C-alpha atoms as a PDB file:
ATOM      1  CA  MET A   1      -4.459 -48.405  51.807  1.00  0.00           C
ATOM      2  CA  PRO A   2      -5.008 -45.209  49.489  1.00  0.00           C
ATOM      3  CA  GLY A   3      -8.461 -43.818  49.352  1.00  0.00           C
ATOM      4  CA  PRO A   4     -10.203 -43.636  46.067  1.00  0.00           C
ATOM      5  CA  GLY A   5      -8.978 -40.255  45.377  1.00  0.00           C
ATOM      6  CA  ALA A   6      -5.359 -40.780  46.288  1.00  0.00           C
ATOM      7  CA  VAL A   7      -2.436 -39.838  44.124  1.00  0.00           C
ATOM      8  CA  PRO A   8      -1.422 -43.265  42.388  1.00  0.00           C
ATOM      9  CA  GLU A   9       1.965 -44.180  43.981  1.00  0.00           C
ATOM     10  CA  ALA A  10       4.990 -43.974  42.250  1.00  0.00           C
ATOM     11  CA  VAL A  11       6.903 -47.281  41.857  1.00  0.00           C
ATOM     12  CA  PRO A  12      10.860 -47.006  42.356  1.00  0.00           C
ATOM     13  CA  GLY A  13      12.501 -46.535  38.824  1.00  0.00           C
ATOM     14  CA  GLU A  14       9.503 -46.410  36.666  1.00  0.00           C
ATOM     15  CA  GLY A  15       7.950 -42.688  37.476  1.00  0.00           C
ATOM     16  CA  PRO A  16       4.305 -42.194  38.634  1.00  0.00           C
ATOM     17  CA  GLY A  17       1.871 -45.364  39.277  1.00  0.00           C
ATOM     18  CA  VAL A  18      -1.253 -46.057  37.448  1.00  0.00           C
ATOM     19  CA  PRO A  19      -4.070 -44.154  37.943  1.00  0.00           C
ATOM     20  CA  ALA A  20      -6.777 -45.802  39.936  1.00  0.00           C
ATOM     21  CA  PRO A  21      -9.948 -46.944  37.881  1.00  0.00           C
ATOM     22  CA  GLU A  22     -12.189 -44.552  39.359  1.00  0.00           C
ATOM     23  CA  LEU A  23     -10.345 -41.530  38.702  1.00  0.00           C
ATOM     24  CA  LEU A  24      -9.590 -42.603  34.947  1.00  0.00           C
ATOM     25  CA  ALA A  25     -13.426 -43.314  35.056  1.00  0.00           C
ATOM     26  CA  ARG A  26     -14.197 -39.528  35.982  1.00  0.00           C
ATOM     27  CA  ALA A  27     -11.741 -37.905  34.218  1.00  0.00           C
ATOM     28  CA  ARG A  28     -11.986 -35.381  31.341  1.00  0.00           C
ATOM     29  CA  LEU A  29     -10.499 -35.801  28.198  1.00  0.00           C
ATOM     30  CA  LEU A  30      -8.583 -32.686  26.923  1.00  0.00           C
ATOM     31  CA  VAL A  31      -6.883 -32.615  23.555  1.00  0.00           C
ATOM     32  CA  ALA A  32      -4.712 -30.078  21.972  1.00  0.00           C
ATOM     33  CA  PRO A  33      -6.405 -27.586  19.012  1.00  0.00           C
ATOM     34  CA  GLY A  34      -3.831 -28.874  16.100  1.00  0.00           C
ATOM     35  CA  LEU A  35      -5.324 -32.596  16.272  1.00  0.00           C
ATOM     36  CA  SER A  36      -6.929 -33.254  13.241  1.00  0.00           C
ATOM     37  CA  ALA A  37     -11.096 -33.870  13.913  1.00  0.00           C
ATOM     38  CA  SER A  38     -10.723 -37.878  12.833  1.00  0.00           C
ATOM     39  CA  LEU A  39      -7.855 -38.212  15.437  1.00  0.00           C
ATOM     40  CA  VAL A  40     -10.105 -36.221  17.988  1.00  0.00           C
ATOM     41  CA  ARG A  41     -12.799 -38.784  16.912  1.00  0.00           C
ATOM     42  CA  GLU A  42     -10.710 -41.684  17.439  1.00  0.00           C
ATOM     43  CA  LEU A  43      -9.354 -40.446  20.800  1.00  0.00           C
ATOM     44  CA  GLU A  44     -13.144 -40.068  22.227  1.00  0.00           C
ATOM     45  CA  ARG A  45     -14.112 -43.564  20.880  1.00  0.00           C
ATOM     46  CA  ILE A  46     -11.262 -45.178  23.189  1.00  0.00           C
ATOM     47  CA  ALA A  47     -11.711 -43.012  25.660  1.00  0.00           C
ATOM     48  CA  GLY A  48     -15.576 -43.345  25.931  1.00  0.00           C
ATOM     49  CA  ARG A  49     -16.297 -39.524  26.191  1.00  0.00           C
ATOM     50  CA  GLY A  50     -16.424 -36.472  24.570  1.00  0.00           C
ATOM     51  CA  ALA A  51     -13.467 -34.346  23.982  1.00  0.00           C
ATOM     52  CA  GLU A  52     -12.627 -30.609  25.161  1.00  0.00           C
ATOM     53  CA  GLN A  53     -10.218 -28.709  23.122  1.00  0.00           C
ATOM     54  CA  LEU A  54      -7.523 -26.579  24.648  1.00  0.00           C
ATOM     55  CA  GLY A  55      -7.363 -22.808  23.875  1.00  0.00           C
ATOM     56  CA  ALA A  56      -5.084 -21.869  20.928  1.00  0.00           C
ATOM     57  CA  GLY A  57      -1.581 -22.465  21.893  1.00  0.00           C
ATOM     58  CA  GLY A  58      -2.642 -24.890  24.169  1.00  0.00           C
ATOM     59  CA  ALA A  59      -3.690 -22.652  26.581  1.00  0.00           C
ATOM     60  CA  ALA A  60      -6.418 -23.688  29.334  1.00  0.00           C
ATOM     61  CA  ASP A  61      -8.961 -21.005  30.122  1.00  0.00           C
ATOM     62  CA  GLY A  62     -12.193 -20.594  31.145  1.00  0.00           C
ATOM     63  CA  PRO A  63     -14.393 -23.716  32.449  1.00  0.00           C
ATOM     64  CA  LEU A  64     -11.311 -25.849  32.434  1.00  0.00           C
ATOM     65  CA  LEU A  65      -9.650 -23.764  35.106  1.00  0.00           C
ATOM     66  CA  THR A  66     -12.937 -23.796  37.297  1.00  0.00           C
ATOM     67  CA  ALA A  67     -14.604 -27.112  36.901  1.00  0.00           C
ATOM     68  CA  ASP A  68     -13.756 -29.896  39.023  1.00  0.00           C
ATOM     69  CA  GLY A  69     -12.201 -33.482  38.465  1.00  0.00           C
ATOM     70  CA  PRO A  70      -9.299 -35.504  37.174  1.00  0.00           C
ATOM     71  CA  LEU A  71      -7.970 -34.331  33.886  1.00  0.00           C
ATOM     72  CA  LEU A  72      -6.788 -36.606  30.628  1.00  0.00           C
ATOM     73  CA  CYS A  73      -4.832 -34.740  28.183  1.00  0.00           C
ATOM     74  CA  VAL A  74      -3.439 -35.823  24.777  1.00  0.00           C
ATOM     75  CA  GLY A  75      -1.084 -32.983  22.931  1.00  0.00           C
ATOM     76  CA  ALA A  76       2.605 -31.892  22.268  1.00  0.00           C
ATOM     77  CA  VAL A  77       2.408 -29.216  25.084  1.00  0.00           C
ATOM     78  CA  LEU A  78       1.161 -29.181  28.425  1.00  0.00           C
ATOM     79  CA  PRO A  79      -0.280 -26.227  29.294  1.00  0.00           C
ATOM     80  CA  ASP A  80       0.994 -24.310  32.714  1.00  0.00           C
ATOM     81  CA  ALA A  81      -2.507 -24.452  34.044  1.00  0.00           C
ATOM     82  CA  LEU A  82      -2.452 -28.122  33.983  1.00  0.00           C
ATOM     83  CA  HIS A  83       0.610 -28.292  35.800  1.00  0.00           C
ATOM     84  CA  ASN A  84      -1.050 -29.444  39.141  1.00  0.00           C
ATOM     85  CA  GLU A  85      -2.450 -32.285  41.301  1.00  0.00           C
ATOM     86  CA  ARG A  86      -5.767 -32.484  38.883  1.00  0.00           C
ATOM     87  CA  LEU A  87      -3.399 -34.048  35.949  1.00  0.00           C
ATOM     88  CA  LEU A  88      -4.088 -37.831  36.097  1.00  0.00           C
ATOM     89  CA  TRP A  89      -2.311 -38.828  32.877  1.00  0.00           C
ATOM     90  CA  PHE A  90      -0.918 -36.886  29.740  1.00  0.00           C
ATOM     91  CA  HIS A  91      -0.431 -38.715  26.582  1.00  0.00           C
ATOM     92  CA  SER A  92       2.265 -37.078  24.098  1.00  0.00           C
ATOM     93  CA  VAL A  93       1.530 -36.928  20.689  1.00  0.00           C
ATOM     94  CA  ASN A  94       5.290 -37.653  20.049  1.00  0.00           C
ATOM     95  CA  ALA A  95       8.096 -39.818  20.985  1.00  0.00           C
ATOM     96  CA  GLY A  96      10.549 -37.400  22.380  1.00  0.00           C
ATOM     97  CA  THR A  97       9.129 -36.140  25.879  1.00  0.00           C
ATOM     98  CA  ASP A  98      12.168 -34.016  26.818  1.00  0.00           C
ATOM     99  CA  PRO A  99      10.486 -30.604  25.972  1.00  0.00           C
ATOM    100  CA  LEU A 100       7.491 -31.408  28.210  1.00  0.00           C
ATOM    101  CA  LEU A 101       9.711 -32.680  31.110  1.00  0.00           C
ATOM    102  CA  ALA A 102      11.895 -29.381  30.468  1.00  0.00           C
ATOM    103  CA  ALA A 103       9.069 -26.945  31.341  1.00  0.00           C
ATOM    104  CA  GLY A 104       9.177 -27.675  34.853  1.00  0.00           C
ATOM    105  CA  PRO A 105       8.724 -30.090  37.177  1.00  0.00           C
ATOM    106  CA  TRP A 106       6.269 -32.715  36.336  1.00  0.00           C
ATOM    107  CA  PRO A 107       3.134 -32.694  38.187  1.00  0.00           C
ATOM    108  CA  ALA A 108       3.378 -35.444  41.001  1.00  0.00           C
ATOM    109  CA  GLY A 109       1.555 -38.634  40.293  1.00  0.00           C
ATOM    110  CA  ALA A 110       0.534 -37.862  36.642  1.00  0.00           C
ATOM    111  CA  LEU A 111       1.225 -40.559  34.300  1.00  0.00           C
ATOM    112  CA  LEU A 112       3.225 -39.415  31.029  1.00  0.00           C
ATOM    113  CA  THR A 113       2.953 -42.023  27.928  1.00  0.00           C
ATOM    114  CA  ARG A 114       4.057 -41.346  24.335  1.00  0.00           C
ATOM    115  CA  THR A 115       3.818 -42.181  21.022  1.00  0.00           C
ATOM    116  CA  VAL A 116       6.050 -44.121  19.062  1.00  0.00           C
ATOM    117  CA  GLY A 117       3.874 -46.008  16.561  1.00  0.00           C
ATOM    118  CA  ARG A 118       5.928 -47.296  13.447  1.00  0.00           C
ATOM    119  CA  MET A 119       8.221 -44.752  14.220  1.00  0.00           C
ATOM    120  CA  GLY A 120      11.124 -47.271  14.588  1.00  0.00           C
ATOM    121  CA  GLU A 121      10.309 -48.499  11.053  1.00  0.00           C
ATOM    122  CA  ARG A 122      10.548 -45.032   9.440  1.00  0.00           C
ATOM    123  CA  ILE A 123      13.762 -43.952  11.439  1.00  0.00           C
ATOM    124  CA  ALA A 124      15.223 -47.379  10.222  1.00  0.00           C
ATOM    125  CA  GLN A 125      14.542 -46.786   6.431  1.00  0.00           C
ATOM    126  CA  TYR A 126      15.904 -43.039   6.615  1.00  0.00           C
ATOM    127  CA  VAL A 127      19.262 -44.672   8.248  1.00  0.00           C
ATOM    128  CA  LEU A 128      19.305 -47.515   5.620  1.00  0.00           C
ATOM    129  CA  GLY A 129      18.473 -45.210   3.078  1.00  0.00           C
ATOM    130  CA  TRP A 130      21.325 -43.022   3.623  1.00  0.00           C
ATOM    131  CA  VAL A 131      23.704 -45.792   4.099  1.00  0.00           C
ATOM    132  CA  LEU A 132      22.844 -47.386   0.711  1.00  0.00           C
ATOM    133  CA  ALA A 133      23.189 -43.804  -0.789  1.00  0.00           C
ATOM    134  CA  GLU A 134      26.685 -43.176   0.319  1.00  0.00           C
ATOM    135  CA  CYS A 135      27.598 -46.678  -0.767  1.00  0.00           C
ATOM    136  CA  GLN A 136      26.438 -46.164  -4.164  1.00  0.00           C
ATOM    137  CA  ALA A 137      28.017 -42.694  -4.187  1.00  0.00           C
ATOM    138  CA  VAL A 138      24.448 -41.302  -4.997  1.00  0.00           C
ATOM    139  CA  PRO A 139      25.876 -37.611  -3.384  1.00  0.00           C
ATOM    140  CA  GLU A 140      28.635 -37.687  -5.731  1.00  0.00           C
ATOM    141  CA  TYR A 141      26.612 -38.686  -8.725  1.00  0.00           C
ATOM    142  CA  VAL A 142      23.987 -35.882  -7.887  1.00  0.00           C
ATOM    143  CA  ALA A 143      26.761 -33.350  -7.868  1.00  0.00           C
ATOM    144  CA  GLN A 144      28.450 -34.545 -10.990  1.00  0.00           C
ATOM    145  CA  HIS A 145      24.813 -34.741 -12.622  1.00  0.00           C
ATOM    146  CA  ALA A 146      24.543 -30.957 -11.801  1.00  0.00           C
ATOM    147  CA  ARG A 147      27.616 -30.298 -13.500  1.00  0.00           C
ATOM    148  CA  ALA A 148      27.095 -32.509 -16.417  1.00  0.00           C
ATOM    149  CA  GLU A 149      30.267 -34.507 -15.778  1.00  0.00           C
ATOM    150  CA  TRP A 150      30.231 -38.126 -16.944  1.00  0.00           C
ATOM    151  CA  ARG A 151      32.914 -39.998 -14.558  1.00  0.00           C
ATOM    152  CA  ARG A 152      32.972 -43.166 -12.785  1.00  0.00           C
ATOM    153  CA  LEU A 153      33.045 -43.282  -9.025  1.00  0.00           C
ATOM    154  CA  PRO A 154      33.808 -46.102  -6.945  1.00  0.00           C
ATOM    155  CA  THR A 155      31.398 -47.558  -4.671  1.00  0.00           C
ATOM    156  CA  GLU A 156      30.997 -50.223  -1.813  1.00  0.00           C
ATOM    157  CA  LEU A 157      29.235 -52.911  -0.447  1.00  0.00           C
ATOM    158  CA  VAL A 158      27.519 -52.389   2.953  1.00  0.00           C
ATOM    159  CA  ALA A 159      27.752 -56.424   3.994  1.00  0.00           C
ATOM    160  CA  GLY A 160      30.594 -56.717   6.421  1.00  0.00           C
ATOM    161  CA  GLN A 161      31.036 -53.068   7.560  1.00  0.00           C
ATOM    162  CA  THR A 162      29.794 -52.231  11.226  1.00  0.00           C
ATOM    163  CA  ALA A 163      27.557 -49.493  12.456  1.00  0.00           C
ATOM    164  CA  LEU A 164      27.906 -48.147  15.880  1.00  0.00           C
ATOM    165  CA  VAL A 165      24.246 -47.460  17.211  1.00  0.00           C
ATOM    166  CA  TYR A 166      23.996 -45.296  19.818  1.00  0.00           C
ATOM    167  CA  GLY A 167      20.406 -46.454  22.039  1.00  0.00           C
ATOM    168  CA  THR A 168      19.151 -49.849  22.071  1.00  0.00           C
ATOM    169  CA  GLY A 169      15.480 -49.309  22.682  1.00  0.00           C
ATOM    170  CA  ARG A 170      12.554 -49.510  19.986  1.00  0.00           C
ATOM    171  CA  ILE A 171      14.110 -46.991  17.487  1.00  0.00           C
ATOM    172  CA  GLY A 172      17.643 -47.983  17.979  1.00  0.00           C
ATOM    173  CA  GLY A 173      16.895 -51.674  17.666  1.00  0.00           C
ATOM    174  CA  ALA A 174      14.725 -51.214  14.566  1.00  0.00           C
ATOM    175  CA  VAL A 175      17.575 -49.449  12.837  1.00  0.00           C
ATOM    176  CA  ALA A 176      20.191 -52.505  13.859  1.00  0.00           C
ATOM    177  CA  GLY A 177      17.475 -54.736  12.385  1.00  0.00           C
ATOM    178  CA  LEU A 178      17.130 -53.436   9.280  1.00  0.00           C
ATOM    179  CA  LEU A 179      20.858 -53.034   8.605  1.00  0.00           C
ATOM    180  CA  ARG A 180      21.670 -56.375   9.816  1.00  0.00           C
ATOM    181  CA  SER A 181      19.404 -57.702   7.221  1.00  0.00           C
ATOM    182  CA  CYS A 182      21.899 -56.053   4.828  1.00  0.00           C
ATOM    183  CA  GLY A 183      24.833 -57.901   6.128  1.00  0.00           C
ATOM    184  CA  VAL A 184      25.616 -55.061   8.276  1.00  0.00           C
ATOM    185  CA  ARG A 185      27.454 -55.945  11.778  1.00  0.00           C
ATOM    186  CA  THR A 186      25.650 -53.840  14.295  1.00  0.00           C
ATOM    187  CA  VAL A 187      26.718 -53.093  17.747  1.00  0.00           C
ATOM    188  CA  GLY A 188      24.339 -51.293  20.144  1.00  0.00           C
ATOM    189  CA  VAL A 189      25.788 -48.908  22.863  1.00  0.00           C
ATOM    190  CA  GLY A 190      23.897 -47.911  25.934  1.00  0.00           C
ATOM    191  CA  ARG A 191      25.314 -45.965  28.706  1.00  0.00           C
ATOM    192  CA  THR A 192      24.954 -48.726  31.302  1.00  0.00           C
ATOM    193  CA  ALA A 193      24.375 -52.608  30.420  1.00  0.00           C
ATOM    194  CA  ARG A 194      21.174 -54.000  31.051  1.00  0.00           C
ATOM    195  CA  THR A 195      20.694 -57.567  31.156  1.00  0.00           C
ATOM    196  CA  GLY A 196      17.373 -59.775  31.948  1.00  0.00           C
ATOM    197  CA  ALA A 197      13.919 -58.506  31.218  1.00  0.00           C
ATOM    198  CA  PRO A 198      13.254 -54.633  31.222  1.00  0.00           C
ATOM    199  CA  PRO A 199      11.904 -52.998  33.935  1.00  0.00           C
ATOM    200  CA  ALA A 200       8.016 -52.265  33.674  1.00  0.00           C
ATOM    201  CA  GLY A 201       7.366 -49.099  31.732  1.00  0.00           C
ATOM    202  CA  PHE A 202      10.171 -49.635  29.853  1.00  0.00           C
ATOM    203  CA  ASP A 203       9.924 -50.799  25.795  1.00  0.00           C
ATOM    204  CA  ARG A 204      13.739 -51.276  25.268  1.00  0.00           C
ATOM    205  CA  VAL A 205      14.633 -54.893  24.243  1.00  0.00           C
ATOM    206  CA  ILE A 206      18.563 -54.966  24.948  1.00  0.00           C
ATOM    207  CA  GLY A 207      20.253 -57.280  22.015  1.00  0.00           C
ATOM    208  CA  ALA A 208      17.207 -57.386  19.640  1.00  0.00           C
ATOM    209  CA  GLY A 209      18.711 -56.552  16.105  1.00  0.00           C
ATOM    210  CA  PHE A 210      22.497 -56.444  17.589  1.00  0.00           C
ATOM    211  CA  ASP A 211      25.287 -58.662  17.024  1.00  0.00           C
ATOM    212  CA  ARG A 212      26.801 -57.180  20.466  1.00  0.00           C
ATOM    213  CA  VAL A 213      25.778 -54.625  22.919  1.00  0.00           C
ATOM    214  CA  ILE A 214      28.244 -52.528  24.994  1.00  0.00           C
ATOM    215  CA  ALA A 215      28.219 -50.014  27.992  1.00  0.00           C
ATOM    216  CA  ALA A 216      29.662 -46.796  27.431  1.00  0.00           C
ATOM    217  CA  GLU A 217      29.821 -45.995  30.829  1.00  0.00           C
ATOM    218  CA  GLU A 218      31.317 -49.227  32.057  1.00  0.00           C
ATOM    219  CA  ASP A 219      33.293 -50.428  29.102  1.00  0.00           C
ATOM    220  CA  PRO A 220      35.077 -47.292  27.556  1.00  0.00           C
ATOM    221  CA  ASP A 221      37.832 -49.099  25.958  1.00  0.00           C
ATOM    222  CA  ALA A 222      35.274 -51.093  24.087  1.00  0.00           C
ATOM    223  CA  GLU A 223      33.358 -48.231  22.903  1.00  0.00           C
ATOM    224  CA  ALA A 224      36.687 -46.579  21.738  1.00  0.00           C
ATOM    225  CA  GLU A 225      37.577 -49.859  19.610  1.00  0.00           C
ATOM    226  CA  GLU A 226      34.100 -49.955  18.143  1.00  0.00           C
ATOM    227  CA  LEU A 227      34.184 -46.228  17.288  1.00  0.00           C
ATOM    228  CA  ALA A 228      37.534 -46.770  15.504  1.00  0.00           C
ATOM    229  CA  GLY A 229      36.293 -49.569  13.538  1.00  0.00           C
ATOM    230  CA  ALA A 230      32.990 -48.420  12.503  1.00  0.00           C
ATOM    231  CA  ARG A 231      31.719 -47.519   9.011  1.00  0.00           C
ATOM    232  CA  TRP A 232      28.797 -45.450  10.261  1.00  0.00           C
ATOM    233  CA  VAL A 233      27.742 -44.105  13.576  1.00  0.00           C
ATOM    234  CA  VAL A 234      23.932 -43.716  14.431  1.00  0.00           C
ATOM    235  CA  ALA A 235      22.815 -41.646  17.274  1.00  0.00           C
ATOM    236  CA  ALA A 236      19.173 -42.699  18.616  1.00  0.00           C
ATOM    237  CA  LEU A 237      19.591 -41.156  22.046  1.00  0.00           C
ATOM    238  CA  PRO A 238      16.823 -39.427  23.824  1.00  0.00           C
ATOM    239  CA  LEU A 239      17.846 -36.254  25.774  1.00  0.00           C
ATOM    240  CA  THR A 240      18.432 -36.342  29.192  1.00  0.00           C
ATOM    241  CA  GLY A 241      20.651 -34.603  31.481  1.00  0.00           C
ATOM    242  CA  ALA A 242      23.073 -37.618  31.278  1.00  0.00           C
ATOM    243  CA  THR A 243      23.086 -37.538  27.320  1.00  0.00           C
ATOM    244  CA  GLU A 244      22.984 -33.953  26.726  1.00  0.00           C
ATOM    245  CA  GLY A 245      26.518 -33.051  24.575  1.00  0.00           C
ATOM    246  CA  PHE A 246      27.310 -36.767  24.806  1.00  0.00           C
ATOM    247  CA  PHE A 247      29.356 -36.802  21.457  1.00  0.00           C
ATOM    248  CA  GLY A 248      31.666 -34.505  22.083  1.00  0.00           C
ATOM    249  CA  ALA A 249      35.460 -34.123  21.327  1.00  0.00           C
ATOM    250  CA  GLY A 250      36.013 -37.369  23.139  1.00  0.00           C
ATOM    251  CA  ARG A 251      34.304 -39.256  21.146  1.00  0.00           C
ATOM    252  CA  PHE A 252      34.918 -37.880  17.995  1.00  0.00           C
ATOM    253  CA  ALA A 253      38.207 -38.095  18.359  1.00  0.00           C
ATOM    254  CA  ALA A 254      37.955 -41.981  18.548  1.00  0.00           C
ATOM    255  CA  VAL A 255      36.333 -41.534  15.043  1.00  0.00           C
ATOM    256  CA  ARG A 256      38.278 -42.997  12.019  1.00  0.00           C
ATOM    257  CA  GLY A 257      36.063 -42.180   9.052  1.00  0.00           C
ATOM    258  CA  ALA A 258      32.843 -43.100  10.095  1.00  0.00           C
ATOM    259  CA  THR A 259      29.721 -41.400   8.687  1.00  0.00           C
ATOM    260  CA  PHE A 260      27.552 -39.564  11.687  1.00  0.00           C
ATOM    261  CA  VAL A 261      23.621 -40.208  11.312  1.00  0.00           C
ATOM    262  CA  ASN A 262      22.092 -38.242  14.126  1.00  0.00           C
ATOM    263  CA  VAL A 263      18.029 -39.357  14.274  1.00  0.00           C
ATOM    264  CA  GLY A 264      17.644 -38.974  18.196  1.00  0.00           C
ATOM    265  CA  ARG A 265      17.961 -35.430  19.850  1.00  0.00           C
ATOM    266  CA  GLY A 266      20.126 -32.389  18.711  1.00  0.00           C
ATOM    267  CA  ALA A 267      21.418 -31.339  22.077  1.00  0.00           C
ATOM    268  CA  THR A 268      23.276 -35.002  22.363  1.00  0.00           C
ATOM    269  CA  VAL A 269      25.717 -33.559  20.055  1.00  0.00           C
ATOM    270  CA  ASP A 270      28.380 -31.119  21.030  1.00  0.00           C
ATOM    271  CA  PRO A 271      28.385 -28.782  17.473  1.00  0.00           C
ATOM    272  CA  VAL A 272      31.823 -27.374  17.984  1.00  0.00           C
ATOM    273  CA  ALA A 273      33.204 -30.971  18.515  1.00  0.00           C
ATOM    274  CA  LEU A 274      31.355 -32.165  15.454  1.00  0.00           C
ATOM    275  CA  GLU A 275      32.623 -29.511  13.538  1.00  0.00           C
ATOM    276  CA  GLY A 276      36.205 -30.008  14.285  1.00  0.00           C
ATOM    277  CA  ALA A 277      35.896 -33.958  12.918  1.00  0.00           C
ATOM    278  CA  LEU A 278      34.241 -33.101   9.727  1.00  0.00           C
ATOM    279  CA  ARG A 279      37.006 -30.570   9.252  1.00  0.00           C
ATOM    280  CA  GLY A 280      39.930 -32.948  10.456  1.00  0.00           C
ATOM    281  CA  GLY A 281      38.542 -35.850   8.748  1.00  0.00           C
ATOM    282  CA  GLY A 282      37.562 -37.989  11.433  1.00  0.00           C
ATOM    283  CA  VAL A 283      34.267 -37.857  10.340  1.00  0.00           C
ATOM    284  CA  ARG A 284      33.614 -38.677   6.932  1.00  0.00           C
ATOM    285  CA  ARG A 285      30.308 -37.237   6.498  1.00  0.00           C
ATOM    286  CA  ALA A 286      27.235 -36.188   8.858  1.00  0.00           C
ATOM    287  CA  VAL A 287      23.741 -36.412   8.313  1.00  0.00           C
ATOM    288  CA  LEU A 288      21.460 -34.721  10.732  1.00  0.00           C
ATOM    289  CA  ASP A 289      17.593 -35.190  10.997  1.00  0.00           C
ATOM    290  CA  VAL A 290      18.131 -33.302  14.553  1.00  0.00           C
ATOM    291  CA  LEU A 291      19.502 -29.925  16.097  1.00  0.00           C
ATOM    292  CA  PRO A 292      20.220 -28.594  18.918  1.00  0.00           C
ATOM    293  CA  GLU A 293      17.901 -25.468  17.810  1.00  0.00           C
ATOM    294  CA  GLU A 294      15.518 -26.057  15.511  1.00  0.00           C
ATOM    295  CA  PRO A 295      14.509 -24.738  13.170  1.00  0.00           C
ATOM    296  CA  ALA A 296      17.921 -23.597  12.014  1.00  0.00           C
ATOM    297  CA  ALA A 297      17.887 -20.161  10.530  1.00  0.00           C
ATOM    298  CA  PRO A 298      19.085 -19.322   6.932  1.00  0.00           C
ATOM    299  CA  GLY A 299      22.373 -17.894   8.527  1.00  0.00           C
ATOM    300  CA  ASP A 300      22.726 -20.681  11.319  1.00  0.00           C
ATOM    301  CA  PRO A 301      26.430 -22.192  10.944  1.00  0.00           C
ATOM    302  CA  VAL A 302      25.278 -25.350  10.695  1.00  0.00           C
ATOM    303  CA  TRP A 303      24.126 -24.965   7.092  1.00  0.00           C
ATOM    304  CA  ARG A 304      27.877 -24.468   6.454  1.00  0.00           C
ATOM    305  CA  LEU A 305      28.955 -27.614   7.939  1.00  0.00           C
ATOM    306  CA  PRO A 306      31.513 -29.468   5.114  1.00  0.00           C
ATOM    307  CA  ARG A 307      30.152 -32.868   3.645  1.00  0.00           C
ATOM    308  CA  THR A 308      26.731 -32.613   5.861  1.00  0.00           C
ATOM    309  CA  VAL A 309      23.255 -32.911   4.862  1.00  0.00           C
ATOM    310  CA  ILE A 310      20.076 -31.726   7.444  1.00  0.00           C
ATOM    311  CA  THR A 311      16.617 -33.139   6.953  1.00  0.00           C
ATOM    312  CA  SER A 312      14.449 -31.136   9.042  1.00  0.00           C
ATOM    313  CA  HIS A 313      13.798 -33.379  11.739  1.00  0.00           C
ATOM    314  CA  SER A 314      11.399 -35.530   9.232  1.00  0.00           C
ATOM    315  CA  ALA A 315      13.142 -38.943   9.876  1.00  0.00           C
ATOM    316  CA  GLY A 316      10.228 -40.217  11.802  1.00  0.00           C
ATOM    317  CA  ILE A 317       7.123 -37.828  11.368  1.00  0.00           C
ATOM    318  CA  THR A 318       4.250 -39.384  13.539  1.00  0.00           C
ATOM    319  CA  ALA A 319       0.974 -39.967  11.992  1.00  0.00           C
ATOM    320  CA  ASP A 320      -2.434 -39.984  13.283  1.00  0.00           C
ATOM    321  CA  GLU A 321      -2.541 -43.504  13.249  1.00  0.00           C
ATOM    322  CA  ASP A 322       0.085 -43.727  15.517  1.00  0.00           C
ATOM    323  CA  VAL A 323      -1.166 -41.853  18.017  1.00  0.00           C
ATOM    324  CA  ALA A 324      -4.434 -43.618  18.121  1.00  0.00           C
ATOM    325  CA  GLN A 325      -2.913 -46.847  17.901  1.00  0.00           C
ATOM    326  CA  ASP A 326      -0.775 -46.004  20.892  1.00  0.00           C
ATOM    327  CA  PHE A 327      -3.294 -44.305  23.154  1.00  0.00           C
ATOM    328  CA  ALA A 328      -5.552 -47.463  22.611  1.00  0.00           C
ATOM    329  CA  ALA A 329      -2.751 -49.480  23.908  1.00  0.00           C
ATOM    330  CA  CYS A 330      -2.264 -47.201  26.732  1.00  0.00           C
ATOM    331  CA  TRP A 331      -5.610 -46.924  27.505  1.00  0.00           C
ATOM    332  CA  GLU A 332      -6.129 -50.652  27.702  1.00  0.00           C
ATOM    333  CA  ALA A 333      -2.846 -50.962  29.996  1.00  0.00           C
ATOM    334  CA  VAL A 334      -4.159 -48.266  32.239  1.00  0.00           C
ATOM    335  CA  ALA A 335      -7.902 -49.647  32.550  1.00  0.00           C
ATOM    336  CA  ALA A 336      -6.641 -52.960  33.320  1.00  0.00           C
ATOM    337  CA  GLY A 337      -4.369 -51.529  36.426  1.00  0.00           C
ATOM    338  CA  ARG A 338      -1.088 -52.144  34.255  1.00  0.00           C
ATOM    339  CA  ARG A 339       1.487 -49.865  33.863  1.00  0.00           C
ATOM    340  CA  PRO A 340       1.763 -49.047  30.082  1.00  0.00           C
ATOM    341  CA  GLU A 341       4.619 -50.297  27.779  1.00  0.00           C
ATOM    342  CA  LEU A 342       4.934 -46.743  26.364  1.00  0.00           C
ATOM    343  CA  ALA A 343       5.152 -44.974  29.891  1.00  0.00           C
ATOM    344  CA  VAL A 344       7.695 -42.598  30.854  1.00  0.00           C
ATOM    345  CA  ASP A 345      10.055 -42.638  33.813  1.00  0.00           C
ATOM    346  CA  THR A 346       9.751 -38.873  34.642  1.00  0.00           C
ATOM    347  CA  GLY A 347      12.755 -38.993  36.762  1.00  0.00           C
ATOM    348  CA  ARG A 348      15.099 -40.332  34.088  1.00  0.00           C
ATOM    349  CA  GLY A 349      13.431 -38.558  31.126  1.00  0.00           C
ATOM    350  CA  TYR A 350      12.468 -41.582  28.777  1.00  0.00           C
END
């Protein structure tokens, strides 16, 4: 049995284990400098201790480097100086944790949790907004208005059409649920099929909001068939080694006039393949909330993609209340010895 100062044991397929209560009780609370004063006060209330602010740019210096004891950190970036065995738990103020995991090996035994909050609702509304705008020819009418042109345009109903949603977790499920409420047939796509209860530490509920769920790796023919019949293809995938460049020439070649909406991660899309599909007509339109490199400079070729709108990574902006709510839920779970639902499997990357 591990001693009181031991690193929490990792559970296979889940990432680091839950911090021991005695370590959590002694942990110092560190917060990123960009957090609002009101949020910091709420974090202090939840944790029952005062917070120490990291230096500018997230640097950990001075007493933080010399004092003993386990550390609990809340922020967006983990300073290099905290990549060690003293880190007990890091709570990310963002939903995507790929930048954290890409910065180097994650500290052994350190729990990583993330903030989702109401992001699923926000992103679902974003997707539905573009779906409805497209069906009502809003972009074309805006262009006509700029030319002082009076001309009726054809519109279409969303009901009965198909949306293929890549990613079947909280965000993908929320998107599918809202689209289904408008009569859209929704098909969820995961890399592999998962049945039964989700493993501890994972928040995806397979099938929620979807008319059908397929596995891209296990049934490529079904995926190709759905791509060919989809009116919208929505990307809500996390960025991992397995999803980088996931939307490449092969998948875009199967699309037959769908609009592509990316609310996941920019690097899951091969930009050259997307441009080819847009110019070739296979992809009708693209709405990109995320890009491989952000922010895109004014001279970036992405601004010149045909029939494309870029929305500056704003579909699911995280609010202070989201951070406080999810940190509180994670704190309650950890304090009770449970792995939080918002824990990240640092091996898988999500």
